[in-house]
Amino acid sequence: MDESLFQNNFINKQQICQYFGNVLLATDYQGQIVLVFCNGEIFTFSLVDGKEWQWTSSLKVIPQTSITQQEDYGLQLNGNGHKFFFSQVDQRYELKIQIWKRGHKCNWTFQQSLKLYSRNKFLSINLSGSMLMVDHVRTLQIWDYNHTQSKLARMQSVPLESTIAYFHENESVIAAKSKQHVVFIKKINQLWVKYQSIKAEQEFFMQFFKNRLIIITIYDLFMYKMDDSLHFQLEKQIVSGIFTKEPQQCLFMGSIVMVQMPSLEIECYKYENNSWVKDKNYFKSNFQAHRLINSKDYKKLFIYRKKYGGIVFEKKNEIKEKIKL
């Protein structure tokens, strides 16, 4: 990695954990708690006094000793880091969801389990962790806590075939990827209803960023801004060319776009002359990472690498965004 990465955009590099192997990662809103799932266990790490990462617990969540298909597992941590959701699809196509809650001195206790009998493509939770969403037989199933706030129960099924869907931070809007469209769903009088659709491409990445939806296609990066009525209007269309190598993941962080290629190599794109241009100074050749996530406030970048383990980088506050957000 080139040192300019830290000088230009990131500070305060910190080591979180060792290299475990093939893992899943999850973090909270401010990036102060990190969960690492590996070989049937979830290891939890906490940032102490803003200076040092400490291992706090290990939880046995499944009996398997290894992960064979990573896509059959999911891990989500809510915004305040007090609740996580772990999902697993077994050989019988049964989806099992475990909900764990953090108590005193980082002690985690099992709270609830859910079952579905269909191979699900994704699991998404809202920021507070009070709702979860899965796809199930061409519908979006949205679960919410019951009136006693003790258990999650299925509240509504929205007819929509989707491959991925996300809650916005305001917890009143959902963006769902459905074939060549993004479908928006909002909550009206305790009911979720579809209210807007945006046409995209056959293949694209999408991501909420503050009050905007980012859509990255083969040739362009689109920014849609949410107005007071929760409708999204096109704000910017910027040439990207990021999809030419069919990336596995795109991560928009305002001033830069981080891209994970099928080879696990990480590329970085910067905004220049109304286009996203690959910045060859960010990473030396063949810089690979197994996992790449950001904190939900977009101020920290977590990279998990072979031999090096988990590393966190803190984004500089004084960056002058070339795209005003």
Protein backbone atom coordinates (compact mmCIF):
# COMPACT_ATOMS: atom_id res chain seq x y z
CA MET A 1 0.00 0.00 0.00
CA ASP A 2 1.33 3.43 -0.87
CA GLU A 3 1.79 5.86 2.02
CA SER A 4 -0.20 8.49 0.13
CA LEU A 5 -3.33 6.53 1.07
CA PHE A 6 -2.91 7.62 4.68
CA GLN A 7 -1.58 11.11 3.94
CA ASN A 8 -4.37 12.05 1.54
CA ASN A 9 -7.46 10.38 2.94
CA PHE A 10 -6.86 8.31 6.06
CA ILE A 11 -5.18 8.61 9.45
CA ASN A 12 -4.79 6.54 12.61
CA LYS A 13 -4.11 3.07 11.17
CA GLN A 14 -4.91 0.41 13.80
CA GLN A 15 -4.64 -3.37 13.92
CA ILE A 16 -7.85 -5.07 15.09
CA CYS A 17 -7.19 -8.80 14.97
CA GLN A 18 -5.06 -11.55 13.52
CA TYR A 19 -5.77 -13.43 10.30
CA PHE A 20 -8.37 -16.16 10.90
CA GLY A 21 -9.04 -17.31 7.35
CA ASN A 22 -12.27 -16.95 5.39
CA VAL A 23 -14.48 -14.63 7.46
CA LEU A 24 -17.50 -12.33 7.59
CA LEU A 25 -17.21 -8.87 9.14
CA ALA A 26 -19.73 -6.50 10.72
CA THR A 27 -19.35 -3.17 12.50
CA ASP A 28 -21.52 -0.58 14.23
CA TYR A 29 -22.37 3.02 13.28
CA GLN A 30 -19.13 4.63 14.49
CA GLY A 31 -16.88 1.64 13.84
CA GLN A 32 -16.05 1.02 17.51
CA ILE A 33 -17.18 -2.62 17.64
CA VAL A 34 -16.20 -5.28 15.09
CA LEU A 35 -17.57 -8.82 14.76
CA VAL A 36 -15.57 -11.51 12.94
CA PHE A 37 -17.31 -14.78 11.99
CA CYS A 38 -15.00 -17.73 11.28
CA ASN A 39 -15.27 -21.52 11.65
CA GLY A 40 -18.59 -21.46 13.46
CA GLU A 41 -17.62 -18.76 15.96
CA ILE A 42 -18.13 -15.01 16.22
CA PHE A 43 -15.24 -13.09 17.77
CA THR A 44 -16.02 -9.61 19.10
CA PHE A 45 -13.55 -6.73 19.34
CA SER A 46 -14.03 -3.29 20.92
CA LEU A 47 -12.11 -0.03 20.61
CA VAL A 48 -10.94 1.08 24.07
CA ASP A 49 -10.42 4.81 24.72
CA GLY A 50 -10.21 5.36 20.97
CA LYS A 51 -6.70 3.92 20.93
CA GLU A 52 -6.54 0.14 21.18
CA TRP A 53 -8.63 -2.77 19.90
CA GLN A 54 -9.30 -5.52 22.42
CA TRP A 55 -10.84 -8.97 22.05
CA THR A 56 -13.96 -9.07 24.23
CA SER A 57 -15.69 -12.41 23.60
CA SER A 58 -16.15 -15.47 21.40
CA LEU A 59 -19.54 -17.01 20.68
CA LYS A 60 -20.21 -20.45 19.22
CA VAL A 61 -23.10 -19.90 16.81
CA ILE A 62 -23.05 -23.05 14.64
CA PRO A 63 -21.53 -26.54 15.05
CA GLN A 64 -19.73 -26.49 11.69
CA THR A 65 -15.95 -26.33 11.86
CA SER A 66 -15.54 -24.59 8.51
CA ILE A 67 -17.45 -22.49 6.01
CA THR A 68 -17.91 -24.07 2.60
CA GLN A 69 -20.17 -21.52 0.91
CA GLN A 70 -19.73 -18.01 2.25
CA GLU A 71 -22.91 -16.75 0.55
CA ASP A 72 -24.99 -19.04 2.77
CA TYR A 73 -24.14 -16.94 5.83
CA GLY A 74 -24.89 -13.37 6.86
CA LEU A 75 -23.85 -11.11 9.73
CA GLN A 76 -25.35 -7.72 10.64
CA LEU A 77 -24.67 -5.46 13.64
CA ASN A 78 -27.05 -2.65 14.56
CA GLY A 79 -26.01 0.99 14.88
CA ASN A 80 -25.28 1.18 18.61
CA GLY A 81 -23.54 -2.20 18.62
CA HIS A 82 -25.97 -3.76 21.11
CA LYS A 83 -27.55 -6.36 18.83
CA PHE A 84 -26.39 -8.59 15.99
CA PHE A 85 -28.20 -10.86 13.54
CA PHE A 86 -26.56 -14.03 12.22
CA SER A 87 -28.16 -15.98 9.36
CA GLN A 88 -27.42 -19.42 7.96
CA VAL A 89 -28.90 -21.46 5.10
CA ASP A 90 -28.42 -25.20 5.60
CA GLN A 91 -28.57 -28.09 3.12
CA ARG A 92 -32.36 -28.33 3.54
CA TYR A 93 -32.72 -24.73 2.32
CA GLU A 94 -33.87 -23.71 5.76
CA LEU A 95 -32.89 -20.19 6.78
CA LYS A 96 -32.06 -19.82 10.44
CA ILE A 97 -31.60 -16.38 11.99
CA GLN A 98 -30.08 -15.90 15.43
CA ILE A 99 -30.45 -12.64 17.34
CA TRP A 100 -27.95 -11.85 20.09
CA LYS A 101 -27.99 -8.91 22.50
CA ARG A 102 -25.03 -7.27 24.26
CA GLY A 103 -25.26 -6.75 27.99
CA HIS A 104 -22.97 -5.55 30.76
CA LYS A 105 -19.20 -5.76 30.14
CA CYS A 106 -19.67 -6.89 26.53
CA ASN A 107 -21.43 -10.11 27.53
CA TRP A 108 -23.60 -11.36 24.66
CA THR A 109 -26.74 -13.40 25.30
CA PHE A 110 -28.89 -15.28 22.82
CA GLN A 111 -32.27 -13.55 22.43
CA GLN A 112 -34.31 -15.21 19.67
CA SER A 113 -34.20 -17.46 16.61
CA LEU A 114 -36.28 -17.33 13.43
CA LYS A 115 -36.84 -19.94 10.70
CA LEU A 116 -37.81 -19.70 7.03
CA TYR A 117 -38.08 -22.55 4.55
CA SER A 118 -36.69 -20.96 1.42
CA ARG A 119 -33.18 -20.18 0.23
CA ASN A 120 -32.89 -16.46 0.86
CA LYS A 121 -30.58 -14.14 -1.03
CA PHE A 122 -30.04 -11.57 1.70
CA LEU A 123 -30.70 -10.36 5.21
CA SER A 124 -30.89 -6.62 5.97
CA ILE A 125 -31.58 -4.81 9.23
CA ASN A 126 -32.41 -1.19 9.98
CA LEU A 127 -30.02 1.07 11.86
CA SER A 128 -31.57 0.56 15.30
CA GLY A 129 -31.94 -3.20 14.81
CA SER A 130 -35.68 -3.07 15.43
CA MET A 131 -36.58 -4.45 11.98
CA LEU A 132 -35.16 -7.05 9.64
CA MET A 133 -35.90 -7.82 6.01
CA VAL A 134 -35.43 -10.97 3.91
CA ASP A 135 -36.56 -12.11 0.49
CA HIS A 136 -38.96 -15.03 0.51
CA VAL A 137 -40.78 -16.56 -2.48
CA ARG A 138 -40.80 -13.36 -4.59
CA THR A 139 -41.72 -11.15 -1.68
CA LEU A 140 -39.91 -8.93 0.78
CA GLN A 141 -40.72 -10.04 4.30
CA ILE A 142 -40.36 -7.29 6.88
CA TRP A 143 -40.18 -8.26 10.54
CA ASP A 144 -40.70 -5.89 13.46
CA TYR A 145 -40.84 -6.21 17.24
CA ASN A 146 -44.19 -7.01 18.83
CA HIS A 147 -46.01 -4.60 21.11
CA THR A 148 -44.08 -5.84 24.16
CA GLN A 149 -40.76 -5.27 22.33
CA SER A 150 -39.68 -8.78 23.36
CA LYS A 151 -39.61 -10.68 20.06
CA LEU A 152 -39.54 -10.08 16.34
CA ALA A 153 -42.63 -11.14 14.42
CA ARG A 154 -43.47 -11.01 10.71
CA MET A 155 -45.40 -7.81 10.10
CA GLN A 156 -45.79 -7.54 6.34
CA SER A 157 -44.94 -9.13 2.99
CA VAL A 158 -44.38 -6.77 0.06
CA PRO A 159 -44.84 -8.44 -3.38
CA LEU A 160 -41.46 -7.85 -5.03
CA GLU A 161 -38.76 -10.15 -6.38
CA SER A 162 -35.48 -8.64 -5.19
CA THR A 163 -31.84 -9.71 -4.98
CA ILE A 164 -30.83 -7.13 -2.35
CA ALA A 165 -32.56 -4.41 -0.34
CA TYR A 166 -31.44 -1.83 2.22
CA PHE A 167 -33.07 0.32 4.89
CA HIS A 168 -32.23 4.02 4.84
CA GLU A 169 -30.92 5.58 8.06
CA ASN A 170 -34.27 7.32 8.60
CA GLU A 171 -35.82 3.82 8.83
CA SER A 172 -38.78 5.00 6.72
CA VAL A 173 -37.42 4.13 3.27
CA ILE A 174 -36.25 0.88 1.64
CA ALA A 175 -34.38 0.61 -1.67
CA ALA A 176 -34.72 -2.81 -3.35
CA LYS A 177 -32.85 -4.08 -6.39
CA SER A 178 -35.34 -5.79 -8.69
CA LYS A 179 -34.04 -6.95 -12.08
CA GLN A 180 -33.12 -3.72 -13.96
CA HIS A 181 -34.78 -1.35 -11.51
CA VAL A 182 -34.43 0.11 -8.03
CA VAL A 183 -37.81 0.07 -6.29
CA PHE A 184 -38.41 2.39 -3.34
CA ILE A 185 -40.72 1.40 -0.50
CA LYS A 186 -41.83 3.70 2.31
CA LYS A 187 -43.78 3.33 5.51
CA ILE A 188 -47.25 4.91 5.57
CA ASN A 189 -49.50 4.40 8.59
CA GLN A 190 -47.50 1.35 9.71
CA LEU A 191 -47.70 -0.22 6.23
CA TRP A 192 -44.87 -0.51 3.69
CA VAL A 193 -45.90 0.51 0.15
CA LYS A 194 -44.03 0.80 -3.16
CA TYR A 195 -43.98 4.40 -4.38
CA GLN A 196 -41.14 4.96 -6.87
CA SER A 197 -39.02 3.04 -9.38
CA ILE A 198 -35.74 3.98 -11.09
CA LYS A 199 -34.50 2.16 -14.18
CA ALA A 200 -30.89 0.97 -14.02
CA GLU A 201 -28.81 -1.63 -15.91
CA GLN A 202 -28.76 -5.41 -15.87
CA GLU A 203 -25.84 -5.39 -13.44
CA PHE A 204 -25.23 -2.62 -10.91
CA PHE A 205 -24.26 -1.84 -7.34
CA MET A 206 -26.33 0.42 -5.14
CA GLN A 207 -25.71 2.03 -1.77
CA PHE A 208 -27.29 4.65 0.46
CA PHE A 209 -24.92 7.52 1.31
CA LYS A 210 -26.46 10.00 3.75
CA ASN A 211 -29.57 11.38 1.97
CA ARG A 212 -28.58 9.98 -1.42
CA LEU A 213 -28.76 6.70 -3.27
CA ILE A 214 -25.63 5.80 -5.23
CA ILE A 215 -26.03 3.54 -8.28
CA ILE A 216 -22.88 2.27 -10.02
CA THR A 217 -23.37 0.74 -13.47
CA ILE A 218 -20.99 -0.39 -16.21
CA TYR A 219 -20.35 3.11 -17.51
CA ASP A 220 -21.66 5.61 -14.95
CA LEU A 221 -22.11 6.47 -11.30
CA PHE A 222 -25.51 8.02 -10.56
CA MET A 223 -26.42 10.12 -7.52
CA TYR A 224 -30.08 10.39 -6.60
CA LYS A 225 -30.97 12.90 -3.87
CA MET A 226 -33.92 12.33 -1.53
CA ASP A 227 -36.29 15.28 -1.07
CA ASP A 228 -38.64 16.05 1.82
CA SER A 229 -41.35 13.84 0.34
CA LEU A 230 -38.87 10.90 0.26
CA HIS A 231 -38.71 10.91 -3.57
CA PHE A 232 -35.35 10.53 -5.27
CA GLN A 233 -34.28 12.88 -8.06
CA LEU A 234 -31.20 12.48 -10.27
CA GLU A 235 -28.53 14.92 -9.06
CA LYS A 236 -25.36 13.82 -10.88
CA GLN A 237 -24.31 11.35 -13.55
CA ILE A 238 -20.57 10.71 -13.62
CA VAL A 239 -18.59 8.51 -16.02
CA SER A 240 -17.01 5.62 -14.10
CA GLY A 241 -15.94 2.59 -16.16
CA ILE A 242 -15.60 0.70 -12.88
CA PHE A 243 -17.56 -2.34 -14.08
CA THR A 244 -15.25 -3.23 -16.96
CA LYS A 245 -13.74 -6.08 -14.89
CA GLU A 246 -16.96 -7.14 -13.14
CA PRO A 247 -16.04 -6.22 -9.55
CA GLN A 248 -17.27 -8.18 -6.56
CA GLN A 249 -17.86 -5.09 -4.45
CA CYS A 250 -18.01 -1.30 -4.79
CA LEU A 251 -17.79 0.98 -1.77
CA PHE A 252 -18.64 4.67 -2.19
CA MET A 253 -17.08 6.87 0.52
CA GLY A 254 -17.74 10.36 -0.85
CA SER A 255 -14.29 11.40 -2.02
CA ILE A 256 -13.24 7.97 -3.28
CA VAL A 257 -14.69 4.68 -4.51
CA MET A 258 -13.05 1.45 -3.33
CA VAL A 259 -13.50 -1.56 -5.61
CA GLN A 260 -12.80 -5.23 -4.93
CA MET A 261 -12.06 -7.22 -8.10
CA PRO A 262 -12.75 -10.97 -8.60
CA SER A 263 -9.03 -11.56 -7.94
CA LEU A 264 -9.54 -9.88 -4.50
CA GLU A 265 -7.32 -7.03 -5.68
CA ILE A 266 -8.44 -3.62 -4.38
CA GLU A 267 -8.58 -0.62 -6.69
CA CYS A 268 -9.31 3.00 -5.80
CA TYR A 269 -11.06 5.59 -7.98
CA LYS A 270 -11.01 9.35 -7.46
CA TYR A 271 -13.23 12.06 -8.94
CA GLU A 272 -11.46 14.07 -11.63
CA ASN A 273 -12.80 16.10 -14.60
CA ASN A 274 -16.37 14.84 -14.05
CA SER A 275 -15.33 11.18 -14.14
CA TRP A 276 -14.08 8.51 -11.76
CA VAL A 277 -10.44 7.80 -12.57
CA LYS A 278 -8.35 4.94 -11.20
CA ASP A 279 -5.76 6.28 -8.77
CA LYS A 280 -2.69 4.08 -9.18
CA ASN A 281 -0.93 5.80 -6.29
CA TYR A 282 -3.33 4.42 -3.68
CA PHE A 283 -2.32 0.80 -3.82
CA LYS A 284 0.74 -0.95 -5.08
CA SER A 285 0.14 -3.71 -7.62
CA ASN A 286 -1.66 -6.82 -6.42
CA PHE A 287 -2.94 -5.37 -3.14
CA GLN A 288 -5.50 -7.98 -2.12
CA ALA A 289 -8.13 -8.01 0.61
CA HIS A 290 -10.68 -10.66 1.55
CA ARG A 291 -13.16 -8.24 3.13
CA LEU A 292 -13.82 -4.53 2.78
CA ILE A 293 -16.44 -2.70 4.88
CA ASN A 294 -17.01 0.80 6.21
CA SER A 295 -18.57 2.08 9.42
CA LYS A 296 -22.15 3.21 9.00
CA ASP A 297 -21.11 6.85 9.46
CA TYR A 298 -18.67 6.43 6.53
CA LYS A 299 -15.72 7.66 8.63
CA LYS A 300 -13.81 4.39 8.98
CA LEU A 301 -12.62 1.81 6.47
CA PHE A 302 -12.02 -1.79 7.55
CA ILE A 303 -9.77 -4.04 5.45
CA TYR A 304 -9.27 -7.73 6.20
CA ARG A 305 -6.19 -9.22 4.52
CA LYS A 306 -4.46 -12.58 4.39
CA LYS A 307 -1.50 -12.74 6.82
CA TYR A 308 -2.30 -9.25 8.15
CA GLY A 309 -5.79 -9.76 9.61
CA GLY A 310 -8.16 -6.88 10.33
CA ILE A 311 -6.99 -3.28 9.93
CA VAL A 312 -9.01 -0.08 10.34
CA PHE A 313 -8.28 3.31 8.77
CA GLU A 314 -9.88 6.53 9.95
CA LYS A 315 -11.03 8.98 7.28
CA LYS A 316 -9.73 12.55 7.57
CA ASN A 317 -12.40 15.10 8.44
CA GLU A 318 -10.60 17.88 6.61
CA ILE A 319 -10.91 16.29 3.17
CA LYS A 320 -12.32 18.82 0.72
CA GLU A 321 -14.89 16.85 -1.21
CA LYS A 322 -14.71 17.48 -4.93
CA ILE A 323 -18.33 16.38 -5.10
CA LYS A 324 -20.31 18.52 -2.70
CA LEU A 325 -22.60 16.32 -0.62
